[in-house]
C-alpha atoms as a PDB file:
ATOM      1  CA  MET A   1     -21.194 -91.537 -26.311  1.00  0.00           C
ATOM      2  CA  LYS A   2     -18.450 -89.403 -27.836  1.00  0.00           C
ATOM      3  CA  HIS A   3     -21.070 -87.128 -29.229  1.00  0.00           C
ATOM      4  CA  GLY A   4     -22.488 -86.487 -25.723  1.00  0.00           C
ATOM      5  CA  ILE A   5     -19.052 -85.690 -24.312  1.00  0.00           C
ATOM      6  CA  TYR A   6     -18.431 -83.250 -27.100  1.00  0.00           C
ATOM      7  CA  GLN A   7     -21.613 -81.379 -26.322  1.00  0.00           C
ATOM      8  CA  THR A   8     -20.821 -81.148 -22.601  1.00  0.00           C
ATOM      9  CA  ASN A   9     -17.377 -79.617 -23.221  1.00  0.00           C
ATOM     10  CA  ALA A  10     -18.858 -77.072 -25.579  1.00  0.00           C
ATOM     11  CA  ILE A  11     -21.372 -75.919 -22.979  1.00  0.00           C
ATOM     12  CA  ASP A  12     -18.841 -75.624 -20.076  1.00  0.00           C
ATOM     13  CA  LYS A  13     -16.281 -73.495 -22.045  1.00  0.00           C
ATOM     14  CA  PRO A  14     -17.138 -69.764 -21.544  1.00  0.00           C
ATOM     15  CA  ALA A  15     -17.213 -67.525 -24.547  1.00  0.00           C
ATOM     16  CA  GLN A  16     -14.461 -64.761 -24.638  1.00  0.00           C
ATOM     17  CA  GLN A  17     -15.780 -61.169 -24.699  1.00  0.00           C
ATOM     18  CA  GLY A  18     -14.056 -57.670 -24.729  1.00  0.00           C
ATOM     19  CA  PHE A  19     -14.606 -53.939 -25.260  1.00  0.00           C
ATOM     20  CA  THR A  20     -15.116 -52.686 -28.702  1.00  0.00           C
ATOM     21  CA  LEU A  21     -13.023 -49.800 -30.049  1.00  0.00           C
ATOM     22  CA  LEU A  22     -16.034 -47.480 -29.835  1.00  0.00           C
ATOM     23  CA  GLU A  23     -16.555 -48.254 -26.151  1.00  0.00           C
ATOM     24  CA  VAL A  24     -12.868 -47.585 -25.407  1.00  0.00           C
ATOM     25  CA  LEU A  25     -13.005 -44.237 -27.203  1.00  0.00           C
ATOM     26  CA  ILE A  26     -16.158 -43.230 -25.325  1.00  0.00           C
ATOM     27  CA  ALA A  27     -14.557 -44.146 -21.994  1.00  0.00           C
ATOM     28  CA  ILE A  28     -11.427 -42.123 -22.827  1.00  0.00           C
ATOM     29  CA  ALA A  29     -13.551 -39.139 -23.839  1.00  0.00           C
ATOM     30  CA  ILE A  30     -15.555 -39.245 -20.591  1.00  0.00           C
ATOM     31  CA  PHE A  31     -12.387 -39.546 -18.511  1.00  0.00           C
ATOM     32  CA  SER A  32     -10.840 -36.595 -20.375  1.00  0.00           C
ATOM     33  CA  VAL A  33     -13.897 -34.408 -19.784  1.00  0.00           C
ATOM     34  CA  VAL A  34     -13.990 -35.265 -16.070  1.00  0.00           C
ATOM     35  CA  SER A  35     -10.241 -34.651 -15.725  1.00  0.00           C
ATOM     36  CA  LEU A  36     -10.456 -31.319 -17.544  1.00  0.00           C
ATOM     37  CA  ALA A  37     -13.381 -30.192 -15.384  1.00  0.00           C
ATOM     38  CA  SER A  38     -11.551 -31.201 -12.210  1.00  0.00           C
ATOM     39  CA  PHE A  39      -8.376 -29.358 -13.285  1.00  0.00           C
ATOM     40  CA  THR A  40     -10.374 -26.252 -14.194  1.00  0.00           C
ATOM     41  CA  ILE A  41     -12.066 -26.190 -10.791  1.00  0.00           C
ATOM     42  CA  PHE A  42      -8.759 -26.762  -9.018  1.00  0.00           C
ATOM     43  CA  ASP A  43      -7.025 -24.036 -11.034  1.00  0.00           C
ATOM     44  CA  THR A  44      -9.889 -21.605 -10.359  1.00  0.00           C
ATOM     45  CA  VAL A  45      -9.662 -22.266  -6.631  1.00  0.00           C
ATOM     46  CA  LEU A  46      -5.893 -21.699  -6.657  1.00  0.00           C
ATOM     47  CA  ARG A  47      -6.171 -18.486  -8.655  1.00  0.00           C
ATOM     48  CA  GLY A  48      -8.939 -17.220  -6.394  1.00  0.00           C
ATOM     49  CA  ASP A  49      -6.817 -17.923  -3.327  1.00  0.00           C
ATOM     50  CA  GLU A  50      -3.821 -16.124  -4.853  1.00  0.00           C
ATOM     51  CA  ASN A  51      -5.930 -13.120  -5.855  1.00  0.00           C
ATOM     52  CA  SER A  52      -7.445 -12.999  -2.375  1.00  0.00           C
ATOM     53  CA  LYS A  53      -3.972 -12.957  -0.809  1.00  0.00           C
ATOM     54  CA  VAL A  54      -2.814 -10.215  -3.174  1.00  0.00           C
ATOM     55  CA  ARG A  55      -5.859  -8.056  -2.403  1.00  0.00           C
ATOM     56  CA  SER A  56      -5.469  -8.660   1.325  1.00  0.00           C
ATOM     57  CA  GLU A  57      -1.783  -7.700   1.250  1.00  0.00           C
ATOM     58  CA  ARG A  58      -2.607  -4.617  -0.816  1.00  0.00           C
ATOM     59  CA  GLN A  59      -5.290  -3.485   1.621  1.00  0.00           C
ATOM     60  CA  ASN A  60      -2.942  -4.060   4.551  1.00  0.00           C
ATOM     61  CA  GLU A  61      -0.316  -1.972   2.775  1.00  0.00           C
ATOM     62  CA  LEU A  62      -2.755   0.909   2.333  1.00  0.00           C
ATOM     63  CA  GLN A  63      -4.040   0.690   5.905  1.00  0.00           C
ATOM     64  CA  ARG A  64      -0.532   0.705   7.391  1.00  0.00           C
ATOM     65  CA  ALA A  65       0.458   3.691   5.251  1.00  0.00           C
ATOM     66  CA  PHE A  66      -2.581   5.797   6.140  1.00  0.00           C
ATOM     67  CA  LEU A  67      -2.275   4.979   9.841  1.00  0.00           C
ATOM     68  CA  LEU A  68       1.323   6.183   9.727  1.00  0.00           C
ATOM     69  CA  MET A  69       0.278   9.323   7.853  1.00  0.00           C
ATOM     70  CA  GLU A  70      -2.445  10.051  10.393  1.00  0.00           C
ATOM     71  CA  ARG A  71       0.049   9.747  13.232  1.00  0.00           C
ATOM     72  CA  ASP A  72       2.436  12.156  11.479  1.00  0.00           C
ATOM     73  CA  PHE A  73      -0.008  14.776  10.187  1.00  0.00           C
ATOM     74  CA  THR A  74      -2.035  15.043  13.385  1.00  0.00           C
ATOM     75  CA  GLN A  75       1.156  15.752  15.366  1.00  0.00           C
ATOM     76  CA  ILE A  76       2.732  18.408  13.148  1.00  0.00           C
ATOM     77  CA  ALA A  77       4.796  20.785  15.279  1.00  0.00           C
ATOM     78  CA  LYS A  78       5.134  24.535  14.909  1.00  0.00           C
ATOM     79  CA  ARG A  79       8.796  24.189  14.118  1.00  0.00           C
ATOM     80  CA  THR A  80      10.791  24.810  10.964  1.00  0.00           C
ATOM     81  CA  ILE A  81      13.143  22.338   9.283  1.00  0.00           C
ATOM     82  CA  ARG A  82      16.902  22.713   9.070  1.00  0.00           C
ATOM     83  CA  ILE A  83      18.542  20.689   6.264  1.00  0.00           C
ATOM     84  CA  ASN A  84      22.278  19.921   5.965  1.00  0.00           C
ATOM     85  CA  GLY A  85      23.206  22.400   8.669  1.00  0.00           C
ATOM     86  CA  GLU A  86      21.689  25.308   6.783  1.00  0.00           C
ATOM     87  CA  ALA A  87      19.561  28.061   8.265  1.00  0.00           C
ATOM     88  CA  PRO A  88      16.021  26.966   9.181  1.00  0.00           C
ATOM     89  CA  ASN A  89      13.267  27.572   6.682  1.00  0.00           C
ATOM     90  CA  SER A  90      10.655  30.219   7.377  1.00  0.00           C
ATOM     91  CA  ALA A  91       7.593  27.964   6.938  1.00  0.00           C
ATOM     92  CA  PHE A  92       6.415  25.066   9.059  1.00  0.00           C
ATOM     93  CA  LEU A  93       5.447  23.101   5.935  1.00  0.00           C
ATOM     94  CA  GLN A  94       7.659  22.497   2.927  1.00  0.00           C
ATOM     95  CA  THR A  95       6.260  21.337  -0.391  1.00  0.00           C
ATOM     96  CA  SER A  96       9.558  21.384  -2.321  1.00  0.00           C
ATOM     97  CA  ASP A  97      13.258  21.345  -1.476  1.00  0.00           C
ATOM     98  CA  ASP A  98      16.324  20.671  -3.603  1.00  0.00           C
ATOM     99  CA  SER A  99      18.092  18.364  -1.161  1.00  0.00           C
ATOM    100  CA  PHE A 100      15.418  16.702   0.978  1.00  0.00           C
ATOM    101  CA  LEU A 101      12.400  16.302  -1.264  1.00  0.00           C
ATOM    102  CA  ALA A 102      13.807  16.619  -4.777  1.00  0.00           C
ATOM    103  CA  ASP A 103      10.284  16.481  -6.154  1.00  0.00           C
ATOM    104  CA  GLU A 104       7.285  18.799  -6.334  1.00  0.00           C
ATOM    105  CA  GLN A 105       4.994  15.923  -5.328  1.00  0.00           C
ATOM    106  CA  ALA A 106       6.226  15.964  -1.745  1.00  0.00           C
ATOM    107  CA  ILE A 107       5.757  17.528   1.673  1.00  0.00           C
ATOM    108  CA  ALA A 108       8.034  17.895   4.705  1.00  0.00           C
ATOM    109  CA  PHE A 109       7.507  19.017   8.291  1.00  0.00           C
ATOM    110  CA  VAL A 110       8.470  18.378  11.920  1.00  0.00           C
ATOM    111  CA  ARG A 111       6.214  16.275  14.103  1.00  0.00           C
ATOM    112  CA  ASN A 112       5.899  15.765  17.840  1.00  0.00           C
ATOM    113  CA  GLY A 113       5.523  12.511  19.699  1.00  0.00           C
ATOM    114  CA  TRP A 114       8.486  10.480  18.453  1.00  0.00           C
ATOM    115  CA  THR A 115       8.699   7.914  21.231  1.00  0.00           C
ATOM    116  CA  ASN A 116      11.768   8.449  23.404  1.00  0.00           C
ATOM    117  CA  PRO A 117      10.788   7.726  27.038  1.00  0.00           C
ATOM    118  CA  GLY A 118      12.789   9.867  29.443  1.00  0.00           C
ATOM    119  CA  LEU A 119      14.932  11.047  26.514  1.00  0.00           C
ATOM    120  CA  LEU A 120      17.091   7.961  27.038  1.00  0.00           C
ATOM    121  CA  LEU A 121      18.128   7.921  23.388  1.00  0.00           C
ATOM    122  CA  PRO A 122      20.549  10.610  22.178  1.00  0.00           C
ATOM    123  CA  ARG A 123      17.901  12.396  20.112  1.00  0.00           C
ATOM    124  CA  SER A 124      14.842  14.591  20.465  1.00  0.00           C
ATOM    125  CA  ASP A 125      11.254  13.420  20.727  1.00  0.00           C
ATOM    126  CA  MET A 126      10.577  15.570  17.646  1.00  0.00           C
ATOM    127  CA  GLN A 127      11.127  14.171  14.176  1.00  0.00           C
ATOM    128  CA  SER A 128      11.578  15.719  10.731  1.00  0.00           C
ATOM    129  CA  VAL A 129       9.400  13.835   8.250  1.00  0.00           C
ATOM    130  CA  ALA A 130       8.785  13.965   4.516  1.00  0.00           C
ATOM    131  CA  TYR A 131       6.551  12.168   2.040  1.00  0.00           C
ATOM    132  CA  ARG A 132       7.427  11.963  -1.631  1.00  0.00           C
ATOM    133  CA  LEU A 133       6.639   9.994  -4.777  1.00  0.00           C
ATOM    134  CA  VAL A 134       9.533   8.188  -6.475  1.00  0.00           C
ATOM    135  CA  ASP A 135       9.167   5.592  -9.246  1.00  0.00           C
ATOM    136  CA  GLU A 136       5.450   5.101  -8.500  1.00  0.00           C
ATOM    137  CA  THR A 137       6.194   4.443  -4.835  1.00  0.00           C
ATOM    138  CA  LEU A 138       5.067   6.683  -2.003  1.00  0.00           C
ATOM    139  CA  GLU A 139       7.970   6.961   0.424  1.00  0.00           C
ATOM    140  CA  ARG A 140       8.327   8.272   3.960  1.00  0.00           C
ATOM    141  CA  LEU A 141      11.631   9.875   4.890  1.00  0.00           C
ATOM    142  CA  HIS A 142      12.960  10.865   8.278  1.00  0.00           C
ATOM    143  CA  TYR A 143      16.210  11.821   9.953  1.00  0.00           C
ATOM    144  CA  ASN A 144      17.503  10.508  13.258  1.00  0.00           C
ATOM    145  CA  PHE A 145      17.906  14.096  14.436  1.00  0.00           C
ATOM    146  CA  VAL A 146      15.310  16.796  14.025  1.00  0.00           C
ATOM    147  CA  ASP A 147      17.973  19.092  12.503  1.00  0.00           C
ATOM    148  CA  ALA A 148      19.936  17.143   9.920  1.00  0.00           C
ATOM    149  CA  VAL A 149      23.683  17.687   9.910  1.00  0.00           C
ATOM    150  CA  VAL A 150      25.751  18.113   6.795  1.00  0.00           C
ATOM    151  CA  GLY A 151      25.975  14.922   4.743  1.00  0.00           C
ATOM    152  CA  GLN A 152      23.398  12.985   6.742  1.00  0.00           C
ATOM    153  CA  GLU A 153      21.150  10.849   4.565  1.00  0.00           C
ATOM    154  CA  PRO A 154      17.490  10.338   5.492  1.00  0.00           C
ATOM    155  CA  ARG A 155      16.047   6.936   6.212  1.00  0.00           C
ATOM    156  CA  ILE A 156      13.588   5.904   3.512  1.00  0.00           C
ATOM    157  CA  ARG A 157      10.585   3.651   4.046  1.00  0.00           C
ATOM    158  CA  PRO A 158       8.466   2.586   1.042  1.00  0.00           C
ATOM    159  CA  LEU A 159       4.772   2.817   1.912  1.00  0.00           C
ATOM    160  CA  ILE A 160       2.493   2.397  -1.124  1.00  0.00           C
ATOM    161  CA  THR A 161       3.366   1.021  -4.553  1.00  0.00           C
ATOM    162  CA  GLN A 162       1.622   1.512  -7.914  1.00  0.00           C
ATOM    163  CA  VAL A 163       1.054   5.213  -7.213  1.00  0.00           C
ATOM    164  CA  THR A 164       0.874   7.352 -10.348  1.00  0.00           C
ATOM    165  CA  SER A 165       0.333  10.769  -8.749  1.00  0.00           C
ATOM    166  CA  LEU A 166       0.514  12.470  -5.358  1.00  0.00           C
ATOM    167  CA  SER A 167      -0.953  15.820  -4.332  1.00  0.00           C
ATOM    168  CA  PHE A 168      -1.827  17.754  -1.188  1.00  0.00           C
ATOM    169  CA  GLU A 169      -4.466  20.316  -0.219  1.00  0.00           C
ATOM    170  CA  PHE A 170      -4.577  22.594   2.797  1.00  0.00           C
ATOM    171  CA  TYR A 171      -7.656  23.848   4.643  1.00  0.00           C
ATOM    172  CA  ASP A 172      -7.384  27.387   6.012  1.00  0.00           C
ATOM    173  CA  GLY A 173     -10.674  27.372   7.919  1.00  0.00           C
ATOM    174  CA  SER A 174     -12.874  28.420   5.019  1.00  0.00           C
ATOM    175  CA  LYS A 175     -11.611  26.699   1.868  1.00  0.00           C
ATOM    176  CA  TRP A 176      -9.103  24.176   0.536  1.00  0.00           C
ATOM    177  CA  GLN A 177      -5.910  25.447  -1.114  1.00  0.00           C
ATOM    178  CA  LYS A 178      -3.444  23.741  -3.423  1.00  0.00           C
ATOM    179  CA  GLN A 179      -0.467  25.647  -2.040  1.00  0.00           C
ATOM    180  CA  TRP A 180       0.483  26.679   1.480  1.00  0.00           C
ATOM    181  CA  SER A 181       2.952  29.272   2.638  1.00  0.00           C
ATOM    182  CA  GLY A 182       3.575  31.381   5.666  1.00  0.00           C
ATOM    183  CA  LYS A 183       4.397  30.824   9.304  1.00  0.00           C
ATOM    184  CA  LYS A 184       1.090  29.240  10.270  1.00  0.00           C
ATOM    185  CA  LEU A 185      -0.310  25.753  10.132  1.00  0.00           C
ATOM    186  CA  PRO A 186      -3.490  24.834   8.252  1.00  0.00           C
ATOM    187  CA  GLN A 187      -6.416  23.382  10.136  1.00  0.00           C
ATOM    188  CA  ALA A 188      -6.403  20.250   7.991  1.00  0.00           C
ATOM    189  CA  ILE A 189      -4.302  18.590   5.301  1.00  0.00           C
ATOM    190  CA  ALA A 190      -5.658  16.328   2.569  1.00  0.00           C
ATOM    191  CA  ILE A 191      -3.550  13.842   0.662  1.00  0.00           C
ATOM    192  CA  GLU A 192      -4.649  12.434  -2.682  1.00  0.00           C
ATOM    193  CA  ILE A 193      -2.946   9.494  -4.355  1.00  0.00           C
ATOM    194  CA  GLU A 194      -3.841   7.983  -7.696  1.00  0.00           C
ATOM    195  CA  THR A 195      -3.233   4.222  -7.787  1.00  0.00           C
ATOM    196  CA  ARG A 196      -3.352   1.804 -10.684  1.00  0.00           C
ATOM    197  CA  ASP A 197      -5.725  -0.623  -8.972  1.00  0.00           C
ATOM    198  CA  TYR A 198      -7.938   1.501  -6.681  1.00  0.00           C
ATOM    199  CA  GLY A 199      -7.918   4.777  -8.586  1.00  0.00           C
ATOM    200  CA  LEU A 200      -8.069   8.034  -6.616  1.00  0.00           C
ATOM    201  CA  ILE A 201      -7.798   7.780  -2.831  1.00  0.00           C
ATOM    202  CA  ARG A 202      -8.212  10.853  -0.638  1.00  0.00           C
ATOM    203  CA  ARG A 203      -7.580  11.147   3.095  1.00  0.00           C
ATOM    204  CA  GLN A 204      -8.015  14.235   5.270  1.00  0.00           C
ATOM    205  CA  PHE A 205      -6.198  14.787   8.544  1.00  0.00           C
ATOM    206  CA  LEU A 206      -6.882  17.406  11.197  1.00  0.00           C
ATOM    207  CA  VAL A 207      -3.939  19.543  12.225  1.00  0.00           C
ATOM    208  CA  ALA A 208      -3.424  21.478  15.455  1.00  0.00           C
ATOM    209  CA  GLY A 209      -3.563  24.706  13.463  1.00  0.00           C
ATOM    210  CA  ASP A 210      -3.711  28.170  14.961  1.00  0.00           C
ATOM    211  CA  LEU A 211      -5.668  30.069  12.317  1.00  0.00           C
ATOM    212  CA  ALA A 212      -8.980  29.946  14.170  1.00  0.00           C
ATOM    213  CA  THR A 213      -7.326  31.128  17.386  1.00  0.00           C
ATOM    214  CA  ASP A 214      -5.597  33.988  15.609  1.00  0.00           C
ATOM    215  CA  ASP A 215      -8.817  35.089  13.931  1.00  0.00           C
ATOM    216  CA  LYS A 216     -10.675  35.181  17.235  1.00  0.00           C
ATOM    217  CA  SER A 217      -7.932  37.160  18.918  1.00  0.00           C
ATOM    218  CA  LYS A 218      -8.179  39.854  16.252  1.00  0.00           C
ATOM    219  CA  THR A 219     -11.922  40.370  16.810  1.00  0.00           C
END
């Protein structure tokens, strides 16, 4: 009788089982691989999103700058610039000036169409404008008054960063020129900027020049 009871208790008691060390190591290894893969995918997505935002902001920066340039260059006026109360210059376009531009990689002129409805503001609807390259940044400068008074500082607006070089070309009706002088306007102006990320960028803007008209009148 005791022997039968002993056998019954032995059958009802479950045997204790567990993971072996090898199984634990394999499970840890699989979890590590899955975690690493998940982190890599997540990091790639984040980096891609950041790069996309940077590229989008950069393209917006370039588009805003060239739209502003187009508005300025297509409305160049046949008017000379007066700086610091000095006598007006003889040319409509300036490519260097000791006080205003302070750099050979620059251009200055007067443009029409500066919004001032009914001349309600105490200024003209013409605006003196300059573009120059300073510390790898293309800047736009302008004065509140078309003829700057003595001591007046221009307002500076950074347009494009990471610019390594800036140059201009002028179309006289038959060919492009690196330099421009005289009391006439070219028919078109090209601006070339060298950037660190996009390389060379060139834009050409039509100008209300008078060369073609003058040539016809002589014939």
